[in-house]
C-alpha cells in the first residue's frame, strides 16, 4: 500500500487518478483549489487545499503536506489551459512543491503532446508563455530530476487528448487510459526505464529534444530558481 498525493484532484484526470488509487487500496491525499470542489471526502487519507495560481497558497499546500510524512509518490496533475496563470499553475507550482516538500519515492508530472510545440526561450517564464511552453518546461523538469535526485524516480506522462473539462467533450482519446499510466508509475516496480521516461499509455515516447538536453535542463532549473527565489535542493 502506497501513500500518494494527487494535485488537481477535484475533477477530470486528477479525480479519476485518485479514485483508481483508492480503489486499489492505496492511501490517497488529494489537493483541491478550494473546499467547495472537494468530492467524496471520506475516501481520502487527507485533503490539502490551495490555489496553485498563487505563490503564497502553493507554500501553504506544501506546509499542509508535511503532516503526512514522506510520500511514496506525488502526481503533479493540476493544470490549466488558456489562462493567464498557465505558467504559474503548470510549471511554477510543481517546481515549488517539488522544492518545498520532502523528497518522495516517485515524482510524476503531467505533460502533453503539445509540449513539442513549446519554446526553449526561458525569458517567457516572466514574459508570459503558452500552454505548449509550460508543458515543454515541466517535461524538462521531470527528466532533469531523474538524474539529479538519488532515491527518487521522476517521469513525465502525456495522458492523451481526453474528454475532460479541459479537453472538451469531443476529445478523441480514451478517458480511462488517461489516468492508468500515472497510477501504474506511482505504485508499481516493474517500470522500465525506472526513471526519466516520457510516457503515453504505458509506453515510452520520444519527447522534444530539449527535454533530455542536460544544458537546457540546467538552464531551466536556474531560470526557475531565479524566477521564484527558491533553490532546488
C-alpha atoms as a PDB file:
ATOM      1  CA  UNK A   1       0.000   0.000   0.000  1.00  0.00           C
ATOM      2  CA  UNK A   2       1.407   3.372  -1.045  1.00  0.00           C
ATOM      3  CA  UNK A   3       0.874   6.903   0.253  1.00  0.00           C
ATOM      4  CA  UNK A   4       0.206   9.051  -2.818  1.00  0.00           C
ATOM      5  CA  UNK A   5      -0.643  12.703  -3.317  1.00  0.00           C
ATOM      6  CA  UNK A   6      -2.533  13.901  -6.406  1.00  0.00           C
ATOM      7  CA  UNK A   7      -2.773  17.610  -7.221  1.00  0.00           C
ATOM      8  CA  UNK A   8      -5.776  18.998  -9.049  1.00  0.00           C
ATOM      9  CA  UNK A   9      -7.965  16.112  -7.884  1.00  0.00           C
ATOM     10  CA  UNK A  10     -11.325  17.888  -7.853  1.00  0.00           C
ATOM     11  CA  UNK A  11     -12.343  16.613 -11.282  1.00  0.00           C
ATOM     12  CA  UNK A  12     -11.134  15.165 -14.567  1.00  0.00           C
ATOM     13  CA  UNK A  13      -7.927  13.150 -14.730  1.00  0.00           C
ATOM     14  CA  UNK A  14      -6.866  14.096 -11.209  1.00  0.00           C
ATOM     15  CA  UNK A  15     -10.093  12.840  -9.686  1.00  0.00           C
ATOM     16  CA  UNK A  16     -10.025   9.676 -11.791  1.00  0.00           C
ATOM     17  CA  UNK A  17      -6.411   9.039 -10.776  1.00  0.00           C
ATOM     18  CA  UNK A  18      -7.228   9.475  -7.095  1.00  0.00           C
ATOM     19  CA  UNK A  19     -10.273   7.199  -7.381  1.00  0.00           C
ATOM     20  CA  UNK A  20      -8.276   4.458  -9.095  1.00  0.00           C
ATOM     21  CA  UNK A  21      -5.547   4.626  -6.453  1.00  0.00           C
ATOM     22  CA  UNK A  22      -8.100   4.428  -3.638  1.00  0.00           C
ATOM     23  CA  UNK A  23      -9.870   1.535  -5.363  1.00  0.00           C
ATOM     24  CA  UNK A  24      -6.540  -0.318  -5.375  1.00  0.00           C
ATOM     25  CA  UNK A  25      -6.230   0.149  -1.606  1.00  0.00           C
ATOM     26  CA  UNK A  26      -3.691   2.967  -1.515  1.00  0.00           C
ATOM     27  CA  UNK A  27      -3.755   5.914   0.885  1.00  0.00           C
ATOM     28  CA  UNK A  28      -4.524   8.984  -1.200  1.00  0.00           C
ATOM     29  CA  UNK A  29      -4.058  12.618  -0.240  1.00  0.00           C
ATOM     30  CA  UNK A  30      -5.905  14.873  -2.663  1.00  0.00           C
ATOM     31  CA  UNK A  31      -5.277  18.513  -3.429  1.00  0.00           C
ATOM     32  CA  UNK A  32      -8.148  20.788  -4.463  1.00  0.00           C
ATOM     33  CA  UNK A  33      -8.215  24.518  -5.117  1.00  0.00           C
ATOM     34  CA  UNK A  34     -10.915  25.198  -2.540  1.00  0.00           C
ATOM     35  CA  UNK A  35     -13.093  23.191  -0.206  1.00  0.00           C
ATOM     36  CA  UNK A  36     -16.222  23.590  -2.319  1.00  0.00           C
ATOM     37  CA  UNK A  37     -14.576  21.484  -5.059  1.00  0.00           C
ATOM     38  CA  UNK A  38     -13.865  18.506  -2.797  1.00  0.00           C
ATOM     39  CA  UNK A  39     -15.668  15.268  -3.730  1.00  0.00           C
ATOM     40  CA  UNK A  40     -16.023  12.090  -1.675  1.00  0.00           C
ATOM     41  CA  UNK A  41     -14.174  13.469   1.372  1.00  0.00           C
ATOM     42  CA  UNK A  42     -14.436  10.186   3.284  1.00  0.00           C
ATOM     43  CA  UNK A  43     -12.474   8.287   0.615  1.00  0.00           C
ATOM     44  CA  UNK A  44      -9.169  10.056   1.171  1.00  0.00           C
ATOM     45  CA  UNK A  45      -6.330   9.728   3.631  1.00  0.00           C
ATOM     46  CA  UNK A  46      -6.240  13.512   3.682  1.00  0.00           C
ATOM     47  CA  UNK A  47      -7.013  16.720   1.832  1.00  0.00           C
ATOM     48  CA  UNK A  48      -4.838  19.753   1.140  1.00  0.00           C
ATOM     49  CA  UNK A  49      -6.358  22.972  -0.118  1.00  0.00           C
ATOM     50  CA  UNK A  50      -4.840  25.865  -2.017  1.00  0.00           C
ATOM     51  CA  UNK A  51      -4.902  27.851  -5.245  1.00  0.00           C
ATOM     52  CA  UNK A  52      -1.818  26.889  -7.270  1.00  0.00           C
ATOM     53  CA  UNK A  53      -2.064  30.164  -9.195  1.00  0.00           C
ATOM     54  CA  UNK A  54      -0.878  31.984  -6.046  1.00  0.00           C
ATOM     55  CA  UNK A  55       2.623  31.501  -4.670  1.00  0.00           C
ATOM     56  CA  UNK A  56       1.557  32.061  -1.051  1.00  0.00           C
ATOM     57  CA  UNK A  57      -1.067  29.331  -1.376  1.00  0.00           C
ATOM     58  CA  UNK A  58       1.413  26.986  -3.079  1.00  0.00           C
ATOM     59  CA  UNK A  59       3.575  27.406   0.021  1.00  0.00           C
ATOM     60  CA  UNK A  60       0.535  26.705   2.195  1.00  0.00           C
ATOM     61  CA  UNK A  61      -0.140  23.498   0.240  1.00  0.00           C
ATOM     62  CA  UNK A  62       3.458  22.381   0.823  1.00  0.00           C
ATOM     63  CA  UNK A  63       3.149  23.097   4.559  1.00  0.00           C
ATOM     64  CA  UNK A  64      -0.076  21.084   4.771  1.00  0.00           C
ATOM     65  CA  UNK A  65       1.627  18.047   3.237  1.00  0.00           C
ATOM     66  CA  UNK A  66       4.276  17.928   5.964  1.00  0.00           C
ATOM     67  CA  UNK A  67       1.830  16.315   8.392  1.00  0.00           C
ATOM     68  CA  UNK A  68       1.562  13.167   6.260  1.00  0.00           C
ATOM     69  CA  UNK A  69       5.248  12.253   6.268  1.00  0.00           C
ATOM     70  CA  UNK A  70       7.181  11.161   3.195  1.00  0.00           C
ATOM     71  CA  UNK A  71       5.001  10.300   0.212  1.00  0.00           C
ATOM     72  CA  UNK A  72       5.692   7.216  -1.842  1.00  0.00           C
ATOM     73  CA  UNK A  73       4.567   9.165  -4.899  1.00  0.00           C
ATOM     74  CA  UNK A  74       3.435  12.667  -5.807  1.00  0.00           C
ATOM     75  CA  UNK A  75       1.439  13.070  -9.023  1.00  0.00           C
ATOM     76  CA  UNK A  76       1.570  16.651 -10.284  1.00  0.00           C
ATOM     77  CA  UNK A  77      -1.686  16.590 -12.216  1.00  0.00           C
ATOM     78  CA  UNK A  78      -3.060  20.128 -11.736  1.00  0.00           C
ATOM     79  CA  UNK A  79      -3.055  22.226 -14.880  1.00  0.00           C
ATOM     80  CA  UNK A  80      -4.821  24.976 -16.782  1.00  0.00           C
ATOM     81  CA  UNK A  81      -5.081  25.919 -20.442  1.00  0.00           C
ATOM     82  CA  UNK A  82      -5.928  29.264 -21.990  1.00  0.00           C
ATOM     83  CA  UNK A  83      -5.399  31.099 -18.717  1.00  0.00           C
ATOM     84  CA  UNK A  84      -3.024  33.917 -17.743  1.00  0.00           C
ATOM     85  CA  UNK A  85      -1.965  31.611 -14.894  1.00  0.00           C
ATOM     86  CA  UNK A  86      -0.760  28.847 -17.225  1.00  0.00           C
ATOM     87  CA  UNK A  87       2.931  29.203 -16.332  1.00  0.00           C
ATOM     88  CA  UNK A  88       2.315  29.562 -12.601  1.00  0.00           C
ATOM     89  CA  UNK A  89      -0.023  26.565 -12.335  1.00  0.00           C
ATOM     90  CA  UNK A  90       1.637  24.264 -14.869  1.00  0.00           C
ATOM     91  CA  UNK A  91       5.319  24.948 -14.130  1.00  0.00           C
ATOM     92  CA  UNK A  92       5.975  27.179 -11.123  1.00  0.00           C
ATOM     93  CA  UNK A  93       3.612  25.297  -8.797  1.00  0.00           C
ATOM     94  CA  UNK A  94       5.044  21.821  -9.482  1.00  0.00           C
ATOM     95  CA  UNK A  95       8.559  23.239  -9.228  1.00  0.00           C
ATOM     96  CA  UNK A  96       7.882  24.928  -5.885  1.00  0.00           C
ATOM     97  CA  UNK A  97       6.053  21.929  -4.435  1.00  0.00           C
ATOM     98  CA  UNK A  98       8.957  19.736  -5.509  1.00  0.00           C
ATOM     99  CA  UNK A  99      11.449  22.106  -3.884  1.00  0.00           C
ATOM    100  CA  UNK A 100       9.477  22.619  -0.661  1.00  0.00           C
ATOM    101  CA  UNK A 101       8.119  19.124   0.034  1.00  0.00           C
ATOM    102  CA  UNK A 102      10.070  16.180   1.417  1.00  0.00           C
ATOM    103  CA  UNK A 103      11.508  14.185  -1.468  1.00  0.00           C
ATOM    104  CA  UNK A 104       9.037  11.388  -2.318  1.00  0.00           C
ATOM    105  CA  UNK A 105       9.928   7.990  -3.690  1.00  0.00           C
ATOM    106  CA  UNK A 106       8.409   8.864  -7.078  1.00  0.00           C
ATOM    107  CA  UNK A 107       7.535  12.050  -8.947  1.00  0.00           C
ATOM    108  CA  UNK A 108       5.092  12.081 -11.862  1.00  0.00           C
ATOM    109  CA  UNK A 109       4.403  15.228 -13.876  1.00  0.00           C
ATOM    110  CA  UNK A 110       1.554  15.608 -16.362  1.00  0.00           C
ATOM    111  CA  UNK A 111       2.771  16.646 -19.794  1.00  0.00           C
ATOM    112  CA  UNK A 112       1.065  16.852 -23.190  1.00  0.00           C
ATOM    113  CA  UNK A 113       1.916  16.047 -26.786  1.00  0.00           C
ATOM    114  CA  UNK A 114       1.631  19.807 -27.266  1.00  0.00           C
ATOM    115  CA  UNK A 115       4.938  20.204 -25.433  1.00  0.00           C
ATOM    116  CA  UNK A 116       6.640  19.521 -28.765  1.00  0.00           C
ATOM    117  CA  UNK A 117       5.464  22.946 -29.940  1.00  0.00           C
ATOM    118  CA  UNK A 118       6.865  24.746 -26.907  1.00  0.00           C
ATOM    119  CA  UNK A 119       9.630  27.337 -26.876  1.00  0.00           C
ATOM    120  CA  UNK A 120      13.079  26.992 -25.317  1.00  0.00           C
ATOM    121  CA  UNK A 121      13.191  30.769 -24.750  1.00  0.00           C
ATOM    122  CA  UNK A 122      13.115  30.820 -20.954  1.00  0.00           C
ATOM    123  CA  UNK A 123      12.619  34.593 -20.865  1.00  0.00           C
ATOM    124  CA  UNK A 124       8.988  33.653 -21.455  1.00  0.00           C
ATOM    125  CA  UNK A 125       8.786  32.405 -17.865  1.00  0.00           C
ATOM    126  CA  UNK A 126       8.276  36.024 -16.856  1.00  0.00           C
ATOM    127  CA  UNK A 127       7.023  37.459 -20.131  1.00  0.00           C
ATOM    128  CA  UNK A 128       4.073  35.100 -20.454  1.00  0.00           C
ATOM    129  CA  UNK A 129       4.467  31.688 -22.027  1.00  0.00           C
ATOM    130  CA  UNK A 130       1.921  29.451 -23.708  1.00  0.00           C
ATOM    131  CA  UNK A 131       0.395  26.136 -22.711  1.00  0.00           C
ATOM    132  CA  UNK A 132       2.848  24.370 -25.038  1.00  0.00           C
ATOM    133  CA  UNK A 133       5.749  26.234 -23.397  1.00  0.00           C
ATOM    134  CA  UNK A 134       4.539  25.175 -19.963  1.00  0.00           C
ATOM    135  CA  UNK A 135       4.378  21.508 -20.930  1.00  0.00           C
ATOM    136  CA  UNK A 136       7.822  21.607 -22.553  1.00  0.00           C
ATOM    137  CA  UNK A 137       9.275  23.095 -19.380  1.00  0.00           C
ATOM    138  CA  UNK A 138       7.548  20.777 -16.910  1.00  0.00           C
ATOM    139  CA  UNK A 139       8.571  17.764 -19.011  1.00  0.00           C
ATOM    140  CA  UNK A 140      12.149  19.010 -18.940  1.00  0.00           C
ATOM    141  CA  UNK A 141      11.905  19.439 -15.159  1.00  0.00           C
ATOM    142  CA  UNK A 142      10.703  15.843 -14.792  1.00  0.00           C
ATOM    143  CA  UNK A 143      13.568  14.439 -16.834  1.00  0.00           C
ATOM    144  CA  UNK A 144      16.116  16.711 -15.146  1.00  0.00           C
ATOM    145  CA  UNK A 145      15.140  15.436 -11.709  1.00  0.00           C
ATOM    146  CA  UNK A 146      15.566  11.836 -12.869  1.00  0.00           C
ATOM    147  CA  UNK A 147      19.332  12.366 -12.982  1.00  0.00           C
ATOM    148  CA  UNK A 148      19.630  14.727 -10.018  1.00  0.00           C
ATOM    149  CA  UNK A 149      17.866  13.111  -7.062  1.00  0.00           C
ATOM    150  CA  UNK A 150      19.182   9.766  -5.917  1.00  0.00           C
ATOM    151  CA  UNK A 151      16.433   7.642  -4.397  1.00  0.00           C
ATOM    152  CA  UNK A 152      13.618   9.444  -6.242  1.00  0.00           C
ATOM    153  CA  UNK A 153      12.375   8.395  -9.662  1.00  0.00           C
ATOM    154  CA  UNK A 154      10.832  11.005 -11.927  1.00  0.00           C
ATOM    155  CA  UNK A 155       8.681  10.652 -15.032  1.00  0.00           C
ATOM    156  CA  UNK A 156       6.534  12.756 -17.372  1.00  0.00           C
ATOM    157  CA  UNK A 157       3.208  11.469 -18.733  1.00  0.00           C
ATOM    158  CA  UNK A 158       1.212  12.519 -21.768  1.00  0.00           C
ATOM    159  CA  UNK A 159      -2.312  11.367 -20.832  1.00  0.00           C
ATOM    160  CA  UNK A 160      -3.652  11.980 -24.316  1.00  0.00           C
ATOM    161  CA  UNK A 161      -6.362  14.317 -25.529  1.00  0.00           C
ATOM    162  CA  UNK A 162      -9.161  13.038 -23.342  1.00  0.00           C
ATOM    163  CA  UNK A 163     -12.756  14.243 -22.840  1.00  0.00           C
ATOM    164  CA  UNK A 164     -12.386  16.212 -19.618  1.00  0.00           C
ATOM    165  CA  UNK A 165     -13.479  19.784 -18.978  1.00  0.00           C
ATOM    166  CA  UNK A 166     -10.108  20.943 -20.321  1.00  0.00           C
ATOM    167  CA  UNK A 167     -10.014  18.523 -23.249  1.00  0.00           C
ATOM    168  CA  UNK A 168     -13.619  19.063 -24.295  1.00  0.00           C
ATOM    169  CA  UNK A 169     -16.420  16.583 -24.926  1.00  0.00           C
ATOM    170  CA  UNK A 170     -15.196  15.811 -28.438  1.00  0.00           C
ATOM    171  CA  UNK A 171     -11.673  14.775 -27.430  1.00  0.00           C
ATOM    172  CA  UNK A 172     -10.843  11.507 -29.232  1.00  0.00           C
ATOM    173  CA  UNK A 173      -8.612   9.710 -26.715  1.00  0.00           C
ATOM    174  CA  UNK A 174      -9.683   7.167 -24.088  1.00  0.00           C
ATOM    175  CA  UNK A 175     -10.585   8.733 -20.739  1.00  0.00           C
ATOM    176  CA  UNK A 176      -9.712   5.648 -18.682  1.00  0.00           C
ATOM    177  CA  UNK A 177      -6.331   5.256 -20.370  1.00  0.00           C
ATOM    178  CA  UNK A 178      -5.749   8.898 -19.491  1.00  0.00           C
ATOM    179  CA  UNK A 179      -5.062   8.086 -15.831  1.00  0.00           C
ATOM    180  CA  UNK A 180      -3.839   4.479 -15.897  1.00  0.00           C
ATOM    181  CA  UNK A 181      -0.204   5.316 -16.621  1.00  0.00           C
ATOM    182  CA  UNK A 182       0.047   7.683 -13.659  1.00  0.00           C
ATOM    183  CA  UNK A 183      -1.404   5.049 -11.318  1.00  0.00           C
ATOM    184  CA  UNK A 184       0.979   2.395 -12.678  1.00  0.00           C
ATOM    185  CA  UNK A 185       4.081   4.597 -12.429  1.00  0.00           C
ATOM    186  CA  UNK A 186       3.141   5.669  -8.915  1.00  0.00           C
ATOM    187  CA  UNK A 187       2.612   2.221  -7.452  1.00  0.00           C
ATOM    188  CA  UNK A 188       4.385  -0.488  -9.469  1.00  0.00           C
ATOM    189  CA  UNK A 189       8.014  -1.575  -9.504  1.00  0.00           C
ATOM    190  CA  UNK A 190       8.067  -3.238 -12.939  1.00  0.00           C
ATOM    191  CA  UNK A 191       8.754   0.018 -14.790  1.00  0.00           C
ATOM    192  CA  UNK A 192      11.464   0.301 -17.460  1.00  0.00           C
ATOM    193  CA  UNK A 193      13.094   2.775 -17.510  1.00  0.00           C
ATOM    194  CA  UNK A 194      12.782   3.117 -13.749  1.00  0.00           C
ATOM    195  CA  UNK A 195      13.228   6.887 -14.047  1.00  0.00           C
ATOM    196  CA  UNK A 196      13.423   9.571 -16.709  1.00  0.00           C
ATOM    197  CA  UNK A 197      10.686   8.290 -19.006  1.00  0.00           C
ATOM    198  CA  UNK A 198       8.284  10.285 -21.141  1.00  0.00           C
ATOM    199  CA  UNK A 199       5.177   8.073 -21.259  1.00  0.00           C
ATOM    200  CA  UNK A 200       1.930   7.746 -23.185  1.00  0.00           C
ATOM    201  CA  UNK A 201      -0.420   4.865 -22.314  1.00  0.00           C
ATOM    202  CA  UNK A 202       2.334   2.889 -20.535  1.00  0.00           C
ATOM    203  CA  UNK A 203       4.701   3.154 -23.498  1.00  0.00           C
ATOM    204  CA  UNK A 204       7.732   5.422 -23.641  1.00  0.00           C
ATOM    205  CA  UNK A 205       7.691   8.037 -26.374  1.00  0.00           C
ATOM    206  CA  UNK A 206      10.248  10.437 -27.803  1.00  0.00           C
ATOM    207  CA  UNK A 207       9.983  13.867 -26.217  1.00  0.00           C
ATOM    208  CA  UNK A 208      11.127  17.220 -27.573  1.00  0.00           C
ATOM    209  CA  UNK A 209      14.954  17.047 -27.879  1.00  0.00           C
ATOM    210  CA  UNK A 210      15.375  19.898 -25.392  1.00  0.00           C
ATOM    211  CA  UNK A 211      13.793  17.842 -22.608  1.00  0.00           C
ATOM    212  CA  UNK A 212      16.757  15.466 -22.485  1.00  0.00           C
ATOM    213  CA  UNK A 213      19.408  18.099 -23.179  1.00  0.00           C
ATOM    214  CA  UNK A 214      21.455  18.482 -19.991  1.00  0.00           C
ATOM    215  CA  UNK A 215      22.393  22.081 -20.793  1.00  0.00           C
ATOM    216  CA  UNK A 216      18.747  23.070 -21.266  1.00  0.00           C
ATOM    217  CA  UNK A 217      17.767  21.181 -18.110  1.00  0.00           C
ATOM    218  CA  UNK A 218      20.339  23.177 -16.153  1.00  0.00           C
ATOM    219  CA  UNK A 219      19.191  26.436 -17.753  1.00  0.00           C
ATOM    220  CA  UNK A 220      15.565  25.693 -16.853  1.00  0.00           C
ATOM    221  CA  UNK A 221      16.346  24.943 -13.222  1.00  0.00           C
ATOM    222  CA  UNK A 222      18.486  28.068 -12.969  1.00  0.00           C
ATOM    223  CA  UNK A 223      15.684  30.118 -14.524  1.00  0.00           C
ATOM    224  CA  UNK A 224      13.091  28.671 -12.133  1.00  0.00           C
ATOM    225  CA  UNK A 225      15.345  29.320  -9.149  1.00  0.00           C
ATOM    226  CA  UNK A 226      15.817  32.920 -10.295  1.00  0.00           C
ATOM    227  CA  UNK A 227      12.114  33.398 -11.097  1.00  0.00           C
ATOM    228  CA  UNK A 228      10.899  32.057  -7.754  1.00  0.00           C
ATOM    229  CA  UNK A 229      13.816  32.831  -5.446  1.00  0.00           C
ATOM    230  CA  UNK A 230      13.614  29.208  -4.251  1.00  0.00           C
ATOM    231  CA  UNK A 231      16.572  26.886  -4.901  1.00  0.00           C
ATOM    232  CA  UNK A 232      16.102  23.261  -5.837  1.00  0.00           C
ATOM    233  CA  UNK A 233      17.763  21.157  -3.148  1.00  0.00           C
END
